[in-house]
N, C-alpha and C. Protein backbone atom coordinates (compact mmCIF):
# COMPACT_ATOMS: atom_id res chain seq x y z
N MET A 1 12.89 19.06 -2.75
CA MET A 1 13.53 18.06 -1.92
C MET A 1 14.62 17.38 -2.75
N ASP A 2 15.73 17.15 -2.16
CA ASP A 2 16.85 16.50 -2.83
C ASP A 2 16.45 15.09 -3.27
N GLU A 3 16.89 14.69 -4.46
CA GLU A 3 16.54 13.37 -5.00
C GLU A 3 17.04 12.23 -4.12
N GLN A 4 18.22 12.40 -3.55
CA GLN A 4 18.76 11.35 -2.68
C GLN A 4 17.90 11.17 -1.43
N ILE A 5 17.40 12.27 -0.90
CA ILE A 5 16.51 12.20 0.27
C ILE A 5 15.23 11.47 -0.09
N LYS A 6 14.67 11.78 -1.27
CA LYS A 6 13.45 11.10 -1.73
C LYS A 6 13.68 9.60 -1.84
N LYS A 7 14.80 9.22 -2.43
CA LYS A 7 15.10 7.79 -2.58
C LYS A 7 15.23 7.11 -1.22
N ASN A 8 15.88 7.79 -0.28
CA ASN A 8 16.05 7.22 1.06
C ASN A 8 14.72 7.06 1.78
N VAL A 9 13.85 8.05 1.64
CA VAL A 9 12.53 7.98 2.28
C VAL A 9 11.72 6.84 1.67
N LYS A 10 11.75 6.72 0.35
CA LYS A 10 11.03 5.63 -0.32
C LYS A 10 11.55 4.27 0.12
N ARG A 11 12.89 4.15 0.24
CA ARG A 11 13.49 2.90 0.66
C ARG A 11 13.08 2.56 2.09
N LEU A 12 13.06 3.56 2.96
CA LEU A 12 12.63 3.34 4.34
C LEU A 12 11.17 2.89 4.40
N ALA A 13 10.33 3.50 3.57
CA ALA A 13 8.91 3.12 3.54
C ALA A 13 8.75 1.68 3.05
N ARG A 14 9.47 1.31 2.00
CA ARG A 14 9.41 -0.07 1.49
C ARG A 14 9.92 -1.06 2.52
N ASP A 15 10.99 -0.72 3.20
CA ASP A 15 11.52 -1.60 4.25
C ASP A 15 10.49 -1.80 5.36
N ALA A 16 9.81 -0.72 5.73
CA ALA A 16 8.79 -0.81 6.78
C ALA A 16 7.63 -1.68 6.31
N GLU A 17 7.21 -1.52 5.06
CA GLU A 17 6.14 -2.36 4.51
C GLU A 17 6.54 -3.83 4.56
N ASN A 18 7.78 -4.12 4.18
CA ASN A 18 8.25 -5.50 4.19
C ASN A 18 8.29 -6.08 5.60
N LYS A 19 8.70 -5.29 6.57
CA LYS A 19 8.75 -5.76 7.95
C LYS A 19 7.36 -6.05 8.49
N VAL A 20 6.41 -5.20 8.16
CA VAL A 20 5.02 -5.44 8.60
C VAL A 20 4.49 -6.71 7.95
N ALA A 21 4.72 -6.85 6.65
CA ALA A 21 4.26 -8.06 5.94
C ALA A 21 4.91 -9.31 6.53
N ARG A 22 6.20 -9.23 6.86
CA ARG A 22 6.90 -10.37 7.44
C ARG A 22 6.31 -10.77 8.78
N SER A 23 6.01 -9.78 9.62
CA SER A 23 5.45 -10.11 10.93
C SER A 23 4.04 -10.68 10.80
N ILE A 24 3.27 -10.17 9.84
CA ILE A 24 1.92 -10.72 9.61
C ILE A 24 2.01 -12.16 9.10
N LEU A 25 2.93 -12.41 8.17
CA LEU A 25 3.11 -13.78 7.67
C LEU A 25 3.54 -14.72 8.78
N ARG A 26 4.47 -14.27 9.62
CA ARG A 26 4.95 -15.09 10.74
C ARG A 26 3.78 -15.42 11.67
N TRP A 27 2.94 -14.42 11.95
CA TRP A 27 1.77 -14.61 12.81
C TRP A 27 0.80 -15.60 12.17
N LYS A 28 0.59 -15.45 10.85
CA LYS A 28 -0.34 -16.33 10.14
C LYS A 28 0.12 -17.78 10.19
N TYR A 29 1.40 -18.00 9.96
CA TYR A 29 1.93 -19.37 10.03
C TYR A 29 1.73 -19.96 11.42
N LYS A 30 2.02 -19.19 12.44
CA LYS A 30 1.87 -19.69 13.80
C LYS A 30 0.42 -19.96 14.13
N LYS A 31 -0.48 -19.09 13.69
CA LYS A 31 -1.91 -19.26 13.96
C LYS A 31 -2.44 -20.52 13.29
N GLU A 32 -1.95 -20.81 12.08
CA GLU A 32 -2.40 -22.00 11.36
C GLU A 32 -1.67 -23.26 11.82
N GLY A 33 -0.72 -23.11 12.73
CA GLY A 33 0.01 -24.26 13.24
C GLY A 33 1.04 -24.80 12.27
N LYS A 34 1.42 -24.00 11.30
CA LYS A 34 2.41 -24.41 10.32
C LYS A 34 3.79 -23.94 10.78
N PRO A 35 4.82 -24.66 10.37
CA PRO A 35 6.18 -24.19 10.71
C PRO A 35 6.51 -22.91 9.95
N VAL A 36 7.16 -21.98 10.62
CA VAL A 36 7.56 -20.73 9.98
C VAL A 36 8.73 -21.04 9.06
N PRO A 37 8.66 -20.59 7.79
CA PRO A 37 9.77 -20.87 6.86
C PRO A 37 11.07 -20.22 7.31
N ILE A 38 12.15 -20.62 6.68
CA ILE A 38 13.44 -20.02 6.99
C ILE A 38 13.40 -18.53 6.64
N GLU A 39 14.27 -17.78 7.28
CA GLU A 39 14.23 -16.31 7.17
C GLU A 39 14.32 -15.83 5.72
N HIS A 40 15.16 -16.47 4.92
CA HIS A 40 15.31 -16.06 3.52
C HIS A 40 13.99 -16.22 2.75
N GLN A 41 13.34 -17.35 2.95
CA GLN A 41 12.07 -17.62 2.29
C GLN A 41 10.98 -16.67 2.79
N LEU A 42 10.96 -16.42 4.08
CA LEU A 42 9.99 -15.50 4.67
C LEU A 42 10.20 -14.08 4.13
N GLU A 43 11.44 -13.69 3.95
CA GLU A 43 11.77 -12.37 3.39
C GLU A 43 11.23 -12.24 1.97
N ASN A 44 11.43 -13.28 1.16
CA ASN A 44 10.93 -13.25 -0.22
C ASN A 44 9.40 -13.16 -0.25
N GLU A 45 8.75 -13.95 0.59
CA GLU A 45 7.29 -13.91 0.65
C GLU A 45 6.79 -12.54 1.10
N SER A 46 7.45 -11.97 2.08
CA SER A 46 7.01 -10.67 2.60
C SER A 46 7.18 -9.58 1.56
N ARG A 47 8.25 -9.63 0.77
CA ARG A 47 8.43 -8.65 -0.30
C ARG A 47 7.33 -8.77 -1.34
N TYR A 48 6.98 -10.02 -1.68
CA TYR A 48 5.91 -10.26 -2.65
C TYR A 48 4.57 -9.74 -2.13
N VAL A 49 4.26 -10.07 -0.89
CA VAL A 49 2.99 -9.63 -0.29
C VAL A 49 2.93 -8.11 -0.19
N ALA A 50 4.01 -7.49 0.23
CA ALA A 50 4.05 -6.04 0.36
C ALA A 50 3.86 -5.36 -1.00
N GLU A 51 4.50 -5.91 -2.03
CA GLU A 51 4.37 -5.34 -3.37
C GLU A 51 2.93 -5.47 -3.88
N LYS A 52 2.32 -6.63 -3.67
CA LYS A 52 0.92 -6.83 -4.08
C LYS A 52 0.00 -5.87 -3.34
N ALA A 53 0.21 -5.73 -2.04
CA ALA A 53 -0.62 -4.80 -1.25
C ALA A 53 -0.44 -3.38 -1.75
N HIS A 54 0.78 -3.01 -2.06
CA HIS A 54 1.06 -1.67 -2.57
C HIS A 54 0.34 -1.43 -3.89
N GLN A 55 0.33 -2.44 -4.78
CA GLN A 55 -0.35 -2.32 -6.06
C GLN A 55 -1.86 -2.17 -5.87
N VAL A 56 -2.44 -2.96 -4.98
CA VAL A 56 -3.88 -2.90 -4.73
C VAL A 56 -4.26 -1.53 -4.17
N ILE A 57 -3.52 -1.06 -3.20
CA ILE A 57 -3.81 0.24 -2.59
C ILE A 57 -3.67 1.35 -3.62
N SER A 58 -2.65 1.26 -4.45
CA SER A 58 -2.44 2.26 -5.50
C SER A 58 -3.60 2.29 -6.47
N LYS A 59 -3.99 1.12 -6.93
CA LYS A 59 -5.07 1.03 -7.92
C LYS A 59 -6.39 1.52 -7.34
N ARG A 60 -6.72 1.06 -6.15
CA ARG A 60 -7.98 1.46 -5.53
C ARG A 60 -7.99 2.94 -5.18
N GLY A 61 -6.83 3.45 -4.78
CA GLY A 61 -6.73 4.87 -4.47
C GLY A 61 -7.01 5.72 -5.70
N LYS A 62 -6.52 5.28 -6.85
CA LYS A 62 -6.77 6.00 -8.10
C LYS A 62 -8.25 5.96 -8.46
N VAL A 63 -8.88 4.81 -8.26
CA VAL A 63 -10.31 4.69 -8.56
C VAL A 63 -11.12 5.63 -7.67
N VAL A 64 -10.80 5.66 -6.39
CA VAL A 64 -11.51 6.54 -5.46
C VAL A 64 -11.30 8.00 -5.85
N LEU A 65 -10.06 8.35 -6.17
CA LEU A 65 -9.77 9.73 -6.56
C LEU A 65 -10.54 10.11 -7.83
N ASN A 66 -10.58 9.22 -8.81
CA ASN A 66 -11.33 9.50 -10.04
C ASN A 66 -12.81 9.67 -9.77
N GLU A 67 -13.37 8.86 -8.89
CA GLU A 67 -14.79 8.99 -8.54
C GLU A 67 -15.06 10.32 -7.85
N LEU A 68 -14.17 10.71 -6.95
CA LEU A 68 -14.33 12.01 -6.29
C LEU A 68 -14.26 13.15 -7.30
N LYS A 69 -13.37 13.05 -8.26
CA LYS A 69 -13.26 14.07 -9.30
C LYS A 69 -14.55 14.15 -10.11
N LYS A 70 -15.12 12.99 -10.46
CA LYS A 70 -16.37 12.97 -11.23
C LYS A 70 -17.47 13.68 -10.46
N VAL A 71 -17.60 13.37 -9.19
CA VAL A 71 -18.64 13.98 -8.36
C VAL A 71 -18.41 15.48 -8.25
N TYR A 72 -17.18 15.87 -8.02
CA TYR A 72 -16.86 17.29 -7.86
C TYR A 72 -17.17 18.06 -9.13
N PHE A 73 -16.69 17.56 -10.28
CA PHE A 73 -16.88 18.28 -11.52
C PHE A 73 -18.32 18.21 -12.01
N LYS A 74 -19.05 17.16 -11.68
CA LYS A 74 -20.46 17.06 -12.02
C LYS A 74 -21.23 18.14 -11.27
N GLY A 75 -20.95 18.32 -10.00
CA GLY A 75 -21.59 19.37 -9.21
C GLY A 75 -21.20 20.74 -9.69
N ASP A 76 -19.97 20.91 -10.15
CA ASP A 76 -19.48 22.19 -10.63
C ASP A 76 -20.21 22.61 -11.90
N GLN A 77 -20.58 21.68 -12.74
CA GLN A 77 -21.28 21.97 -13.99
C GLN A 77 -22.69 22.50 -13.74
N LYS A 78 -23.28 22.13 -12.66
CA LYS A 78 -24.63 22.58 -12.32
C LYS A 78 -24.62 23.94 -11.65
N GLY A 79 -23.45 24.52 -11.51
CA GLY A 79 -23.35 25.81 -10.87
C GLY A 79 -23.21 25.70 -9.37
N GLU A 80 -23.00 24.50 -8.88
CA GLU A 80 -22.81 24.27 -7.46
C GLU A 80 -21.34 24.09 -7.17
N GLY A 81 -20.89 24.57 -6.08
CA GLY A 81 -19.52 24.35 -5.67
C GLY A 81 -19.48 23.26 -4.62
N PRO A 82 -18.30 22.89 -4.20
CA PRO A 82 -18.22 21.88 -3.14
C PRO A 82 -18.81 22.41 -1.84
N GLY A 83 -19.59 21.57 -1.20
CA GLY A 83 -20.17 21.94 0.07
C GLY A 83 -21.47 22.73 -0.04
N GLU A 84 -21.95 22.90 -1.26
CA GLU A 84 -23.21 23.65 -1.41
C GLU A 84 -24.37 22.73 -1.64
């Protein structure tokens, strides 16, 4: 895949994450009865929240993958394959 295409896809994904975070923050402020901050401030908050969520998902995904690898290779050492 062309590097420029990869960069564009990643940028689109990040933009989508930020938009989702922004709408959730807007909903949260309204639900709590607080005034919604100005758009610039809301944009900064949404970028921060999206980045934190991305980090958490990344970290937890790695932990889950490592645990699956441990289970798979532990079973493989006993002469068992996956699904046996």
